[in-house]
Amino acid sequence: MHFECKDNERGGILVDVLVAVTIVSFLLIPIINLGLISRQVAASAEQTHQAVTLAANCMEKILAEPMPLNNSHLSQPEQFGEFLRSVRVVPHDNGLLNITVDVTWGQDDATRQIELTTLLPLRPE
């Protein structure tokens, strides 16, 4: 069986295929981009979760100590992998202590930070 094409139909199938491939590629590019963005957001959320956990654990340890103001080790920043944790204990008005746990991470222009702060009544020594 032999099919003959008219002169005006030659290349029509090729054009149809090229149009279809172009349309599909324009649809796939945003989908692939969405996948990449979701991966970045998930990684950022994981880092934020780790930073909050690090800060919360530190705050819980401080609150369990008898007197946070007398602990000089709290003023020294500590490195935990890519995270840097620092603690500030400052006397506040009305016999309270202002305790702040700060965690920073990231590179130069993309540095991120979280801070947990609480007020704690001064405890007798």
PDB file of N, CA and C in Angstrom:
ATOM      1  N   MET A   1       0.843  -1.164   0.000  1.00  0.00           N
ATOM      2  CA  MET A   1       0.000   0.000   0.000  1.00  0.00           C
ATOM      3  C   MET A   1       0.892   1.232   0.000  1.00  0.00           C
ATOM      4  N   HIS A   2       0.597   2.160  -0.841  1.00  0.00           N
ATOM      5  CA  HIS A   2       1.424   3.343  -0.997  1.00  0.00           C
ATOM      6  C   HIS A   2       0.525   4.584  -0.897  1.00  0.00           C
ATOM      7  N   PHE A   3       0.947   5.511   0.003  1.00  0.00           N
ATOM      8  CA  PHE A   3       0.174   6.744   0.164  1.00  0.00           C
ATOM      9  C   PHE A   3       0.880   7.873  -0.547  1.00  0.00           C
ATOM     10  N   GLU A   4       0.120   8.662  -1.179  1.00  0.00           N
ATOM     11  CA  GLU A   4       0.693   9.827  -1.839  1.00  0.00           C
ATOM     12  C   GLU A   4       0.183  11.084  -1.153  1.00  0.00           C
ATOM     13  N   CYS A   5       1.099  12.024  -0.951  1.00  0.00           N
ATOM     14  CA  CYS A   5       0.729  13.299  -0.339  1.00  0.00           C
ATOM     15  C   CYS A   5       0.662  14.359  -1.417  1.00  0.00           C
ATOM     16  N   LYS A   6      -0.309  15.220  -1.270  1.00  0.00           N
ATOM     17  CA  LYS A   6      -0.382  16.366  -2.168  1.00  0.00           C
ATOM     18  C   LYS A   6       0.747  17.322  -1.812  1.00  0.00           C
ATOM     19  N   ASP A   7       1.125  18.161  -2.732  1.00  0.00           N
ATOM     20  CA  ASP A   7       2.232  19.087  -2.509  1.00  0.00           C
ATOM     21  C   ASP A   7       1.991  20.001  -1.308  1.00  0.00           C
ATOM     22  N   ASN A   8       0.760  20.408  -1.071  1.00  0.00           N
ATOM     23  CA  ASN A   8       0.485  21.333   0.022  1.00  0.00           C
ATOM     24  C   ASN A   8       0.430  20.624   1.383  1.00  0.00           C
ATOM     25  N   GLU A   9       0.472  19.292   1.450  1.00  0.00           N
ATOM     26  CA  GLU A   9       0.446  18.554   2.710  1.00  0.00           C
ATOM     27  C   GLU A   9       1.838  18.130   3.169  1.00  0.00           C
ATOM     28  N   ARG A  10       2.836  18.250   2.325  1.00  0.00           N
ATOM     29  CA  ARG A  10       4.186  17.835   2.701  1.00  0.00           C
ATOM     30  C   ARG A  10       4.687  18.706   3.850  1.00  0.00           C
ATOM     31  N   GLY A  11       5.223  18.080   4.856  1.00  0.00           N
ATOM     32  CA  GLY A  11       5.750  18.804   6.010  1.00  0.00           C
ATOM     33  C   GLY A  11       4.694  19.173   7.026  1.00  0.00           C
ATOM     34  N   GLY A  12       3.440  18.934   6.721  1.00  0.00           N
ATOM     35  CA  GLY A  12       2.365  19.268   7.660  1.00  0.00           C
ATOM     36  C   GLY A  12       2.459  18.455   8.940  1.00  0.00           C
ATOM     37  N   ILE A  13       2.799  17.196   8.841  1.00  0.00           N
ATOM     38  CA  ILE A  13       2.919  16.345  10.028  1.00  0.00           C
ATOM     39  C   ILE A  13       4.093  16.810  10.876  1.00  0.00           C
ATOM     40  N   LEU A  14       5.186  17.170  10.245  1.00  0.00           N
ATOM     41  CA  LEU A  14       6.351  17.666  10.975  1.00  0.00           C
ATOM     42  C   LEU A  14       6.005  18.945  11.735  1.00  0.00           C
ATOM     43  N   VAL A  15       5.275  19.834  11.110  1.00  0.00           N
ATOM     44  CA  VAL A  15       4.858  21.068  11.775  1.00  0.00           C
ATOM     45  C   VAL A  15       3.950  20.743  12.952  1.00  0.00           C
ATOM     46  N   ASP A  16       3.024  19.801  12.779  1.00  0.00           N
ATOM     47  CA  ASP A  16       2.140  19.397  13.873  1.00  0.00           C
ATOM     48  C   ASP A  16       2.938  18.842  15.047  1.00  0.00           C
ATOM     49  N   VAL A  17       3.925  18.012  14.743  1.00  0.00           N
ATOM     50  CA  VAL A  17       4.766  17.434  15.802  1.00  0.00           C
ATOM     51  C   VAL A  17       5.556  18.533  16.509  1.00  0.00           C
ATOM     52  N   LEU A  18       6.125  19.463  15.769  1.00  0.00           N
ATOM     53  CA  LEU A  18       6.881  20.560  16.375  1.00  0.00           C
ATOM     54  C   LEU A  18       5.998  21.437  17.255  1.00  0.00           C
ATOM     55  N   VAL A  19       4.789  21.710  16.808  1.00  0.00           N
ATOM     56  CA  VAL A  19       3.853  22.501  17.616  1.00  0.00           C
ATOM     57  C   VAL A  19       3.505  21.750  18.897  1.00  0.00           C
ATOM     58  N   ALA A  20       3.253  20.452  18.795  1.00  0.00           N
ATOM     59  CA  ALA A  20       2.917  19.648  19.969  1.00  0.00           C
ATOM     60  C   ALA A  20       4.078  19.609  20.962  1.00  0.00           C
ATOM     61  N   VAL A  21       5.298  19.416  20.470  1.00  0.00           N
ATOM     62  CA  VAL A  21       6.474  19.389  21.349  1.00  0.00           C
ATOM     63  C   VAL A  21       6.669  20.743  22.023  1.00  0.00           C
ATOM     64  N   THR A  22       6.461  21.820  21.297  1.00  0.00           N
ATOM     65  CA  THR A  22       6.601  23.158  21.865  1.00  0.00           C
ATOM     66  C   THR A  22       5.581  23.387  22.974  1.00  0.00           C
ATOM     67  N   ILE A  23       4.347  23.009  22.731  1.00  0.00           N
ATOM     68  CA  ILE A  23       3.297  23.181  23.746  1.00  0.00           C
ATOM     69  C   ILE A  23       3.609  22.353  24.983  1.00  0.00           C
ATOM     70  N   VAL A  24       4.010  21.112  24.794  1.00  0.00           N
ATOM     71  CA  VAL A  24       4.333  20.244  25.934  1.00  0.00           C
ATOM     72  C   VAL A  24       5.517  20.805  26.719  1.00  0.00           C
ATOM     73  N   SER A  25       6.534  21.307  26.028  1.00  0.00           N
ATOM     74  CA  SER A  25       7.693  21.854  26.739  1.00  0.00           C
ATOM     75  C   SER A  25       7.321  23.109  27.519  1.00  0.00           C
ATOM     76  N   PHE A  26       6.441  23.947  26.962  1.00  0.00           N
ATOM     77  CA  PHE A  26       5.995  25.121  27.708  1.00  0.00           C
ATOM     78  C   PHE A  26       5.176  24.731  28.933  1.00  0.00           C
ATOM     79  N   LEU A  27       4.519  23.600  28.900  1.00  0.00           N
ATOM     80  CA  LEU A  27       3.773  23.128  30.061  1.00  0.00           C
ATOM     81  C   LEU A  27       4.687  22.461  31.081  1.00  0.00           C
ATOM     82  N   LEU A  28       5.735  21.795  30.632  1.00  0.00           N
ATOM     83  CA  LEU A  28       6.621  21.080  31.543  1.00  0.00           C
ATOM     84  C   LEU A  28       7.577  22.000  32.294  1.00  0.00           C
ATOM     85  N   ILE A  29       7.990  23.087  31.687  1.00  0.00           N
ATOM     86  CA  ILE A  29       8.947  23.986  32.338  1.00  0.00           C
ATOM     87  C   ILE A  29       8.412  24.511  33.675  1.00  0.00           C
ATOM     88  N   PRO A  30       7.186  25.027  33.763  1.00  0.00           N
ATOM     89  CA  PRO A  30       6.688  25.470  35.070  1.00  0.00           C
ATOM     90  C   PRO A  30       6.546  24.325  36.072  1.00  0.00           C
ATOM     91  N   ILE A  31       6.197  23.151  35.601  1.00  0.00           N
ATOM     92  CA  ILE A  31       6.056  22.016  36.517  1.00  0.00           C
ATOM     93  C   ILE A  31       7.416  21.631  37.095  1.00  0.00           C
ATOM     94  N   ILE A  32       8.440  21.607  36.269  1.00  0.00           N
ATOM     95  CA  ILE A  32       9.791  21.305  36.751  1.00  0.00           C
ATOM     96  C   ILE A  32      10.264  22.401  37.699  1.00  0.00           C
ATOM     97  N   ASN A  33       9.992  23.645  37.356  1.00  0.00           N
ATOM     98  CA  ASN A  33      10.365  24.765  38.216  1.00  0.00           C
ATOM     99  C   ASN A  33       9.656  24.679  39.563  1.00  0.00           C
ATOM    100  N   LEU A  34       8.406  24.297  39.556  1.00  0.00           N
ATOM    101  CA  LEU A  34       7.651  24.132  40.793  1.00  0.00           C
ATOM    102  C   LEU A  34       8.280  23.060  41.670  1.00  0.00           C
ATOM    103  N   GLY A  35       8.737  21.988  41.066  1.00  0.00           N
ATOM    104  CA  GLY A  35       9.413  20.936  41.823  1.00  0.00           C
ATOM    105  C   GLY A  35      10.694  21.427  42.470  1.00  0.00           C
ATOM    106  N   LEU A  36      11.471  22.229  41.746  1.00  0.00           N
ATOM    107  CA  LEU A  36      12.708  22.774  42.301  1.00  0.00           C
ATOM    108  C   LEU A  36      12.425  23.739  43.448  1.00  0.00           C
ATOM    109  N   ILE A  37      11.427  24.581  43.267  1.00  0.00           N
ATOM    110  CA  ILE A  37      11.070  25.536  44.318  1.00  0.00           C
ATOM    111  C   ILE A  37      10.572  24.810  45.561  1.00  0.00           C
ATOM    112  N   SER A  38       9.763  23.785  45.384  1.00  0.00           N
ATOM    113  CA  SER A  38       9.254  23.049  46.544  1.00  0.00           C
ATOM    114  C   SER A  38      10.385  22.352  47.285  1.00  0.00           C
ATOM    115  N   ARG A  39      11.402  21.896  46.572  1.00  0.00           N
ATOM    116  CA  ARG A  39      12.555  21.278  47.228  1.00  0.00           C
ATOM    117  C   ARG A  39      13.312  22.318  48.062  1.00  0.00           C
ATOM    118  N   GLN A  40      13.465  23.538  47.538  1.00  0.00           N
ATOM    119  CA  GLN A  40      14.145  24.599  48.283  1.00  0.00           C
ATOM    120  C   GLN A  40      13.350  25.000  49.524  1.00  0.00           C
ATOM    121  N   VAL A  41      12.036  25.091  49.380  1.00  0.00           N
ATOM    122  CA  VAL A  41      11.190  25.452  50.514  1.00  0.00           C
ATOM    123  C   VAL A  41      11.250  24.372  51.586  1.00  0.00           C
ATOM    124  N   ALA A  42      11.251  23.116  51.190  1.00  0.00           N
ATOM    125  CA  ALA A  42      11.340  22.017  52.152  1.00  0.00           C
ATOM    126  C   ALA A  42      12.675  22.050  52.891  1.00  0.00           C
ATOM    127  N   ALA A  43      13.761  22.334  52.190  1.00  0.00           N
ATOM    128  CA  ALA A  43      15.073  22.422  52.838  1.00  0.00           C
ATOM    129  C   ALA A  43      15.115  23.590  53.817  1.00  0.00           C
ATOM    130  N   SER A  44      14.541  24.716  53.436  1.00  0.00           N
ATOM    131  CA  SER A  44      14.491  25.878  54.317  1.00  0.00           C
ATOM    132  C   SER A  44      13.648  25.589  55.559  1.00  0.00           C
ATOM    133  N   ALA A  45      12.535  24.913  55.378  1.00  0.00           N
ATOM    134  CA  ALA A  45      11.680  24.552  56.512  1.00  0.00           C
ATOM    135  C   ALA A  45      12.401  23.600  57.455  1.00  0.00           C
ATOM    136  N   GLU A  46      13.162  22.675  56.917  1.00  0.00           N
ATOM    137  CA  GLU A  46      13.925  21.736  57.750  1.00  0.00           C
ATOM    138  C   GLU A  46      14.982  22.481  58.566  1.00  0.00           C
ATOM    139  N   GLN A  47      15.678  23.431  57.951  1.00  0.00           N
ATOM    140  CA  GLN A  47      16.672  24.220  58.679  1.00  0.00           C
ATOM    141  C   GLN A  47      16.020  25.052  59.778  1.00  0.00           C
ATOM    142  N   THR A  48      14.880  25.653  59.478  1.00  0.00           N
ATOM    143  CA  THR A  48      14.170  26.442  60.484  1.00  0.00           C
ATOM    144  C   THR A  48      13.726  25.560  61.638  1.00  0.00           C
ATOM    145  N   HIS A  49      13.241  24.375  61.336  1.00  0.00           N
ATOM    146  CA  HIS A  49      12.833  23.434  62.377  1.00  0.00           C
ATOM    147  C   HIS A  49      14.017  23.058  63.261  1.00  0.00           C
ATOM    148  N   GLN A  50      15.164  22.787  62.665  1.00  0.00           N
ATOM    149  CA  GLN A  50      16.355  22.443  63.442  1.00  0.00           C
ATOM    150  C   GLN A  50      16.787  23.611  64.327  1.00  0.00           C
ATOM    151  N   ALA A  51      16.714  24.827  63.801  1.00  0.00           N
ATOM    152  CA  ALA A  51      17.101  26.006  64.575  1.00  0.00           C
ATOM    153  C   ALA A  51      16.156  26.229  65.753  1.00  0.00           C
ATOM    154  N   VAL A  52      14.864  26.082  65.523  1.00  0.00           N
ATOM    155  CA  VAL A  52      13.887  26.255  66.604  1.00  0.00           C
ATOM    156  C   VAL A  52      14.087  25.182  67.668  1.00  0.00           C
ATOM    157  N   THR A  53      14.338  23.945  67.252  1.00  0.00           N
ATOM    158  CA  THR A  53      14.576  22.860  68.205  1.00  0.00           C
ATOM    159  C   THR A  53      15.828  23.135  69.028  1.00  0.00           C
ATOM    160  N   LEU A  54      16.883  23.602  68.383  1.00  0.00           N
ATOM    161  CA  LEU A  54      18.126  23.933  69.081  1.00  0.00           C
ATOM    162  C   LEU A  54      17.891  25.036  70.108  1.00  0.00           C
ATOM    163  N   ALA A  55      17.181  26.077  69.721  1.00  0.00           N
ATOM    164  CA  ALA A  55      16.896  27.188  70.631  1.00  0.00           C
ATOM    165  C   ALA A  55      15.984  26.750  71.774  1.00  0.00           C
ATOM    166  N   ALA A  56      14.969  25.956  71.465  1.00  0.00           N
ATOM    167  CA  ALA A  56      14.032  25.508  72.501  1.00  0.00           C
ATOM    168  C   ALA A  56      14.723  24.597  73.514  1.00  0.00           C
ATOM    169  N   ASN A  57      15.579  23.694  73.045  1.00  0.00           N
ATOM    170  CA  ASN A  57      16.310  22.817  73.966  1.00  0.00           C
ATOM    171  C   ASN A  57      17.208  23.625  74.891  1.00  0.00           C
ATOM    172  N   CYS A  58      17.871  24.625  74.338  1.00  0.00           N
ATOM    173  CA  CYS A  58      18.729  25.486  75.143  1.00  0.00           C
ATOM    174  C   CYS A  58      17.904  26.253  76.180  1.00  0.00           C
ATOM    175  N   MET A  59      16.775  26.796  75.758  1.00  0.00           N
ATOM    176  CA  MET A  59      15.919  27.546  76.675  1.00  0.00           C
ATOM    177  C   MET A  59      15.421  26.651  77.802  1.00  0.00           C
ATOM    178  N   GLU A  60      15.043  25.414  77.488  1.00  0.00           N
ATOM    179  CA  GLU A  60      14.574  24.483  78.517  1.00  0.00           C
ATOM    180  C   GLU A  60      15.674  24.172  79.524  1.00  0.00           C
ATOM    181  N   LYS A  61      16.913  24.008  79.047  1.00  0.00           N
ATOM    182  CA  LYS A  61      18.033  23.751  79.964  1.00  0.00           C
ATOM    183  C   LYS A  61      18.286  24.952  80.859  1.00  0.00           C
ATOM    184  N   ILE A  62      18.203  26.146  80.296  1.00  0.00           N
ATOM    185  CA  ILE A  62      18.420  27.359  81.087  1.00  0.00           C
ATOM    186  C   ILE A  62      17.346  27.488  82.156  1.00  0.00           C
ATOM    187  N   LEU A  63      16.102  27.245  81.785  1.00  0.00           N
ATOM    188  CA  LEU A  63      15.004  27.381  82.744  1.00  0.00           C
ATOM    189  C   LEU A  63      15.086  26.337  83.850  1.00  0.00           C
ATOM    190  N   ALA A  64      15.740  25.209  83.586  1.00  0.00           N
ATOM    191  CA  ALA A  64      15.879  24.160  84.598  1.00  0.00           C
ATOM    192  C   ALA A  64      17.037  24.437  85.557  1.00  0.00           C
ATOM    193  N   GLU A  65      17.945  25.343  85.200  1.00  0.00           N
ATOM    194  CA  GLU A  65      19.092  25.649  86.048  1.00  0.00           C
ATOM    195  C   GLU A  65      18.654  26.507  87.227  1.00  0.00           C
ATOM    196  N   PRO A  66      19.403  26.387  88.339  1.00  0.00           N
ATOM    197  CA  PRO A  66      19.021  27.156  89.526  1.00  0.00           C
ATOM    198  C   PRO A  66      19.097  28.674  89.329  1.00  0.00           C
ATOM    199  N   MET A  67      20.181  29.170  88.719  1.00  0.00           N
ATOM    200  CA  MET A  67      20.323  30.614  88.574  1.00  0.00           C
ATOM    201  C   MET A  67      21.057  30.940  87.282  1.00  0.00           C
ATOM    202  N   PRO A  68      20.359  31.230  86.205  1.00  0.00           N
ATOM    203  CA  PRO A  68      21.003  31.467  84.911  1.00  0.00           C
ATOM    204  C   PRO A  68      21.969  32.647  84.895  1.00  0.00           C
ATOM    205  N   LEU A  69      21.768  33.640  85.764  1.00  0.00           N
ATOM    206  CA  LEU A  69      22.589  34.849  85.727  1.00  0.00           C
ATOM    207  C   LEU A  69      24.043  34.559  86.081  1.00  0.00           C
ATOM    208  N   ASN A  70      24.292  33.556  86.924  1.00  0.00           N
ATOM    209  CA  ASN A  70      25.648  33.265  87.382  1.00  0.00           C
ATOM    210  C   ASN A  70      26.410  32.325  86.458  1.00  0.00           C
ATOM    211  N   ASN A  71      25.837  31.893  85.381  1.00  0.00           N
ATOM    212  CA  ASN A  71      26.497  30.941  84.483  1.00  0.00           C
ATOM    213  C   ASN A  71      27.201  31.684  83.359  1.00  0.00           C
ATOM    214  N   SER A  72      28.525  31.804  83.487  1.00  0.00           N
ATOM    215  CA  SER A  72      29.280  32.556  82.486  1.00  0.00           C
ATOM    216  C   SER A  72      29.327  31.840  81.143  1.00  0.00           C
ATOM    217  N   HIS A  73      29.114  30.514  81.124  1.00  0.00           N
ATOM    218  CA  HIS A  73      29.164  29.776  79.854  1.00  0.00           C
ATOM    219  C   HIS A  73      28.027  30.171  78.917  1.00  0.00           C
ATOM    220  N   LEU A  74      27.001  30.808  79.454  1.00  0.00           N
ATOM    221  CA  LEU A  74      25.868  31.199  78.613  1.00  0.00           C
ATOM    222  C   LEU A  74      26.238  32.315  77.638  1.00  0.00           C
ATOM    223  N   SER A  75      27.238  33.111  77.990  1.00  0.00           N
ATOM    224  CA  SER A  75      27.574  34.242  77.128  1.00  0.00           C
ATOM    225  C   SER A  75      28.435  33.845  75.931  1.00  0.00           C
ATOM    226  N   GLN A  76      28.955  32.628  75.920  1.00  0.00           N
ATOM    227  CA  GLN A  76      29.816  32.175  74.827  1.00  0.00           C
ATOM    228  C   GLN A  76      28.978  31.580  73.701  1.00  0.00           C
ATOM    229  N   PRO A  77      29.102  32.116  72.474  1.00  0.00           N
ATOM    230  CA  PRO A  77      28.376  31.502  71.345  1.00  0.00           C
ATOM    231  C   PRO A  77      28.887  30.084  71.097  1.00  0.00           C
ATOM    232  N   GLU A  78      27.985  29.197  70.712  1.00  0.00           N
ATOM    233  CA  GLU A  78      28.343  27.806  70.443  1.00  0.00           C
ATOM    234  C   GLU A  78      27.962  27.458  69.013  1.00  0.00           C
ATOM    235  N   GLN A  79      28.854  26.735  68.340  1.00  0.00           N
ATOM    236  CA  GLN A  79      28.615  26.293  66.966  1.00  0.00           C
ATOM    237  C   GLN A  79      28.044  24.880  67.000  1.00  0.00           C
ATOM    238  N   PHE A  80      26.941  24.670  66.292  1.00  0.00           N
ATOM    239  CA  PHE A  80      26.313  23.361  66.137  1.00  0.00           C
ATOM    240  C   PHE A  80      26.138  23.116  64.647  1.00  0.00           C
ATOM    241  N   GLY A  81      27.142  22.526  64.019  1.00  0.00           N
ATOM    242  CA  GLY A  81      27.076  22.336  62.575  1.00  0.00           C
ATOM    243  C   GLY A  81      27.043  23.688  61.882  1.00  0.00           C
ATOM    244  N   GLU A  82      26.000  23.922  61.115  1.00  0.00           N
ATOM    245  CA  GLU A  82      25.873  25.208  60.416  1.00  0.00           C
ATOM    246  C   GLU A  82      25.192  26.275  61.265  1.00  0.00           C
ATOM    247  N   PHE A  83      24.789  25.932  62.487  1.00  0.00           N
ATOM    248  CA  PHE A  83      24.054  26.853  63.356  1.00  0.00           C
ATOM    249  C   PHE A  83      24.983  27.454  64.412  1.00  0.00           C
ATOM    250  N   LEU A  84      24.790  28.736  64.703  1.00  0.00           N
ATOM    251  CA  LEU A  84      25.516  29.413  65.772  1.00  0.00           C
ATOM    252  C   LEU A  84      24.489  29.866  66.799  1.00  0.00           C
ATOM    253  N   ARG A  85      24.649  29.365  68.036  1.00  0.00           N
ATOM    254  CA  ARG A  85      23.692  29.687  69.095  1.00  0.00           C
ATOM    255  C   ARG A  85      24.360  30.584  70.126  1.00  0.00           C
ATOM    256  N   SER A  86      23.669  31.641  70.506  1.00  0.00           N
ATOM    257  CA  SER A  86      24.154  32.513  71.572  1.00  0.00           C
ATOM    258  C   SER A  86      23.009  32.786  72.539  1.00  0.00           C
ATOM    259  N   VAL A  87      23.387  33.038  73.789  1.00  0.00           N
ATOM    260  CA  VAL A  87      22.401  33.259  74.849  1.00  0.00           C
ATOM    261  C   VAL A  87      22.742  34.565  75.552  1.00  0.00           C
ATOM    262  N   ARG A  88      21.718  35.363  75.802  1.00  0.00           N
ATOM    263  CA  ARG A  88      21.882  36.592  76.575  1.00  0.00           C
ATOM    264  C   ARG A  88      20.951  36.531  77.777  1.00  0.00           C
ATOM    265  N   VAL A  89      21.507  36.792  78.956  1.00  0.00           N
ATOM    266  CA  VAL A  89      20.712  36.883  80.177  1.00  0.00           C
ATOM    267  C   VAL A  89      20.931  38.285  80.725  1.00  0.00           C
ATOM    268  N   VAL A  90      19.864  39.076  80.731  1.00  0.00           N
ATOM    269  CA  VAL A  90      19.964  40.481  81.133  1.00  0.00           C
ATOM    270  C   VAL A  90      18.944  40.747  82.235  1.00  0.00           C
ATOM    271  N   PRO A  91      19.384  41.367  83.350  1.00  0.00           N
ATOM    272  CA  PRO A  91      18.407  41.747  84.379  1.00  0.00           C
ATOM    273  C   PRO A  91      17.396  42.735  83.800  1.00  0.00           C
ATOM    274  N   HIS A  92      16.156  42.533  84.159  1.00  0.00           N
ATOM    275  CA  HIS A  92      15.059  43.349  83.652  1.00  0.00           C
ATOM    276  C   HIS A  92      14.420  44.051  84.843  1.00  0.00           C
ATOM    277  N   ASP A  93      13.518  44.959  84.583  1.00  0.00           N
ATOM    278  CA  ASP A  93      12.814  45.662  85.660  1.00  0.00           C
ATOM    279  C   ASP A  93      12.017  44.678  86.513  1.00  0.00           C
ATOM    280  N   ASN A  94      11.678  45.113  87.727  1.00  0.00           N
ATOM    281  CA  ASN A  94      10.795  44.364  88.629  1.00  0.00           C
ATOM    282  C   ASN A  94      11.354  43.001  89.018  1.00  0.00           C
ATOM    283  N   GLY A  95      12.664  42.869  89.109  1.00  0.00           N
ATOM    284  CA  GLY A  95      13.257  41.622  89.573  1.00  0.00           C
ATOM    285  C   GLY A  95      13.115  40.461  88.610  1.00  0.00           C
ATOM    286  N   LEU A  96      13.115  40.731  87.335  1.00  0.00           N
ATOM    287  CA  LEU A  96      13.005  39.674  86.331  1.00  0.00           C
ATOM    288  C   LEU A  96      14.301  39.568  85.536  1.00  0.00           C
ATOM    289  N   LEU A  97      14.505  38.411  84.949  1.00  0.00           N
ATOM    290  CA  LEU A  97      15.614  38.208  84.019  1.00  0.00           C
ATOM    291  C   LEU A  97      15.049  38.081  82.617  1.00  0.00           C
ATOM    292  N   ASN A  98      15.645  38.784  81.680  1.00  0.00           N
ATOM    293  CA  ASN A  98      15.276  38.660  80.274  1.00  0.00           C
ATOM    294  C   ASN A  98      16.262  37.679  79.646  1.00  0.00           C
ATOM    295  N   ILE A  99      15.785  36.496  79.263  1.00  0.00           N
ATOM    296  CA  ILE A  99      16.635  35.454  78.693  1.00  0.00           C
ATOM    297  C   ILE A  99      16.311  35.345  77.210  1.00  0.00           C
ATOM    298  N   THR A 100      17.345  35.473  76.373  1.00  0.00           N
ATOM    299  CA  THR A 100      17.179  35.401  74.924  1.00  0.00           C
ATOM    300  C   THR A 100      18.133  34.362  74.362  1.00  0.00           C
ATOM    301  N   VAL A 101      17.590  33.429  73.586  1.00  0.00           N
ATOM    302  CA  VAL A 101      18.394  32.440  72.865  1.00  0.00           C
ATOM    303  C   VAL A 101      18.287  32.795  71.388  1.00  0.00           C
ATOM    304  N   ASP A 102      19.434  33.018  70.769  1.00  0.00           N
ATOM    305  CA  ASP A 102      19.501  33.443  69.374  1.00  0.00           C
ATOM    306  C   ASP A 102      20.224  32.369  68.566  1.00  0.00           C
ATOM    307  N   VAL A 103      19.627  31.941  67.452  1.00  0.00           N
ATOM    308  CA  VAL A 103      20.252  30.957  66.562  1.00  0.00           C
ATOM    309  C   VAL A 103      20.318  31.567  65.166  1.00  0.00           C
ATOM    310  N   THR A 104      21.526  31.598  64.586  1.00  0.00           N
ATOM    311  CA  THR A 104      21.707  32.094  63.223  1.00  0.00           C
ATOM    312  C   THR A 104      22.321  30.997  62.366  1.00  0.00           C
ATOM    313  N   TRP A 105      22.024  31.050  61.072  1.00  0.00           N
ATOM    314  CA  TRP A 105      22.581  30.085  60.125  1.00  0.00           C
ATOM    315  C   TRP A 105      22.489  30.663  58.729  1.00  0.00           C
ATOM    316  N   GLY A 106      23.196  30.046  57.811  1.00  0.00           N
ATOM    317  CA  GLY A 106      23.154  30.475  56.414  1.00  0.00           C
ATOM    318  C   GLY A 106      24.445  31.160  56.001  1.00  0.00           C
ATOM    319  N   GLN A 107      24.496  31.531  54.733  1.00  0.00           N
ATOM    320  CA  GLN A 107      25.670  32.184  54.161  1.00  0.00           C
ATOM    321  C   GLN A 107      25.529  33.699  54.261  1.00  0.00           C
ATOM    322  N   ASP A 108      26.541  34.404  53.809  1.00  0.00           N
ATOM    323  CA  ASP A 108      26.653  35.855  53.976  1.00  0.00           C
ATOM    324  C   ASP A 108      25.374  36.622  53.645  1.00  0.00           C
ATOM    325  N   ASP A 109      24.912  36.525  52.410  1.00  0.00           N
ATOM    326  CA  ASP A 109      23.754  37.316  51.993  1.00  0.00           C
ATOM    327  C   ASP A 109      22.430  36.631  52.298  1.00  0.00           C
ATOM    328  N   ALA A 110      22.467  35.396  52.752  1.00  0.00           N
ATOM    329  CA  ALA A 110      21.230  34.668  53.051  1.00  0.00           C
ATOM    330  C   ALA A 110      21.215  34.190  54.500  1.00  0.00           C
ATOM    331  N   THR A 111      21.770  34.986  55.402  1.00  0.00           N
ATOM    332  CA  THR A 111      21.794  34.616  56.814  1.00  0.00           C
ATOM    333  C   THR A 111      20.383  34.696  57.386  1.00  0.00           C
ATOM    334  N   ARG A 112      20.025  33.659  58.128  1.00  0.00           N
ATOM    335  CA  ARG A 112      18.705  33.634  58.770  1.00  0.00           C
ATOM    336  C   ARG A 112      18.899  33.563  60.274  1.00  0.00           C
ATOM    337  N   GLN A 113      17.873  33.960  61.009  1.00  0.00           N
ATOM    338  CA  GLN A 113      17.990  34.040  62.457  1.00  0.00           C
ATOM    339  C   GLN A 113      16.629  33.819  63.101  1.00  0.00           C
ATOM    340  N   ILE A 114      16.652  33.122  64.228  1.00  0.00           N
ATOM    341  CA  ILE A 114      15.460  33.057  65.073  1.00  0.00           C
ATOM    342  C   ILE A 114      15.881  33.428  66.486  1.00  0.00           C
ATOM    343  N   GLU A 115      14.921  33.882  67.253  1.00  0.00           N
ATOM    344  CA  GLU A 115      15.217  34.330  68.602  1.00  0.00           C
ATOM    345  C   GLU A 115      14.065  33.914  69.509  1.00  0.00           C
ATOM    346  N   LEU A 116      14.397  33.257  70.620  1.00  0.00           N
ATOM    347  CA  LEU A 116      13.408  32.930  71.645  1.00  0.00           C
ATOM    348  C   LEU A 116      13.730  33.774  72.870  1.00  0.00           C
ATOM    349  N   THR A 117      12.720  34.424  73.423  1.00  0.00           N
ATOM    350  CA  THR A 117      12.920  35.292  74.582  1.00  0.00           C
ATOM    351  C   THR A 117      11.871  34.975  75.628  1.00  0.00           C
ATOM    352  N   THR A 118      12.297  35.008  76.881  1.00  0.00           N
ATOM    353  CA  THR A 118      11.351  34.824  77.976  1.00  0.00           C
ATOM    354  C   THR A 118      11.786  35.676  79.157  1.00  0.00           C
ATOM    355  N   LEU A 119      10.856  35.964  80.026  1.00  0.00           N
ATOM    356  CA  LEU A 119      11.145  36.647  81.284  1.00  0.00           C
ATOM    357  C   LEU A 119      11.030  35.626  82.400  1.00  0.00           C
ATOM    358  N   LEU A 120      12.011  35.643  83.292  1.00  0.00           N
ATOM    359  CA  LEU A 120      12.070  34.671  84.381  1.00  0.00           C
ATOM    360  C   LEU A 120      12.238  35.431  85.687  1.00  0.00           C
ATOM    361  N   PRO A 121      11.459  35.097  86.711  1.00  0.00           N
ATOM    362  CA  PRO A 121      11.653  35.782  87.992  1.00  0.00           C
ATOM    363  C   PRO A 121      13.010  35.401  88.594  1.00  0.00           C
ATOM    364  N   LEU A 122      13.648  36.379  89.215  1.00  0.00           N
ATOM    365  CA  LEU A 122      14.917  36.099  89.891  1.00  0.00           C
ATOM    366  C   LEU A 122      14.669  35.106  91.016  1.00  0.00           C
ATOM    367  N   ARG A 123      15.518  34.106  91.086  1.00  0.00           N
ATOM    368  CA  ARG A 123      15.400  33.106  92.158  1.00  0.00           C
ATOM    369  C   ARG A 123      16.478  33.392  93.200  1.00  0.00           C
ATOM    370  N   PRO A 124      16.161  33.206  94.447  1.00  0.00           N
ATOM    371  CA  PRO A 124      17.187  33.446  95.476  1.00  0.00           C
ATOM    372  C   PRO A 124      18.333  32.447  95.326  1.00  0.00           C
ATOM    373  N   GLU A 125      19.553  32.936  95.614  1.00  0.00           N
ATOM    374  CA  GLU A 125      20.728  32.061  95.471  1.00  0.00           C
ATOM    375  C   GLU A 125      20.891  31.154  96.655  1.00  0.00           C
TER     376      GLU A 125
END
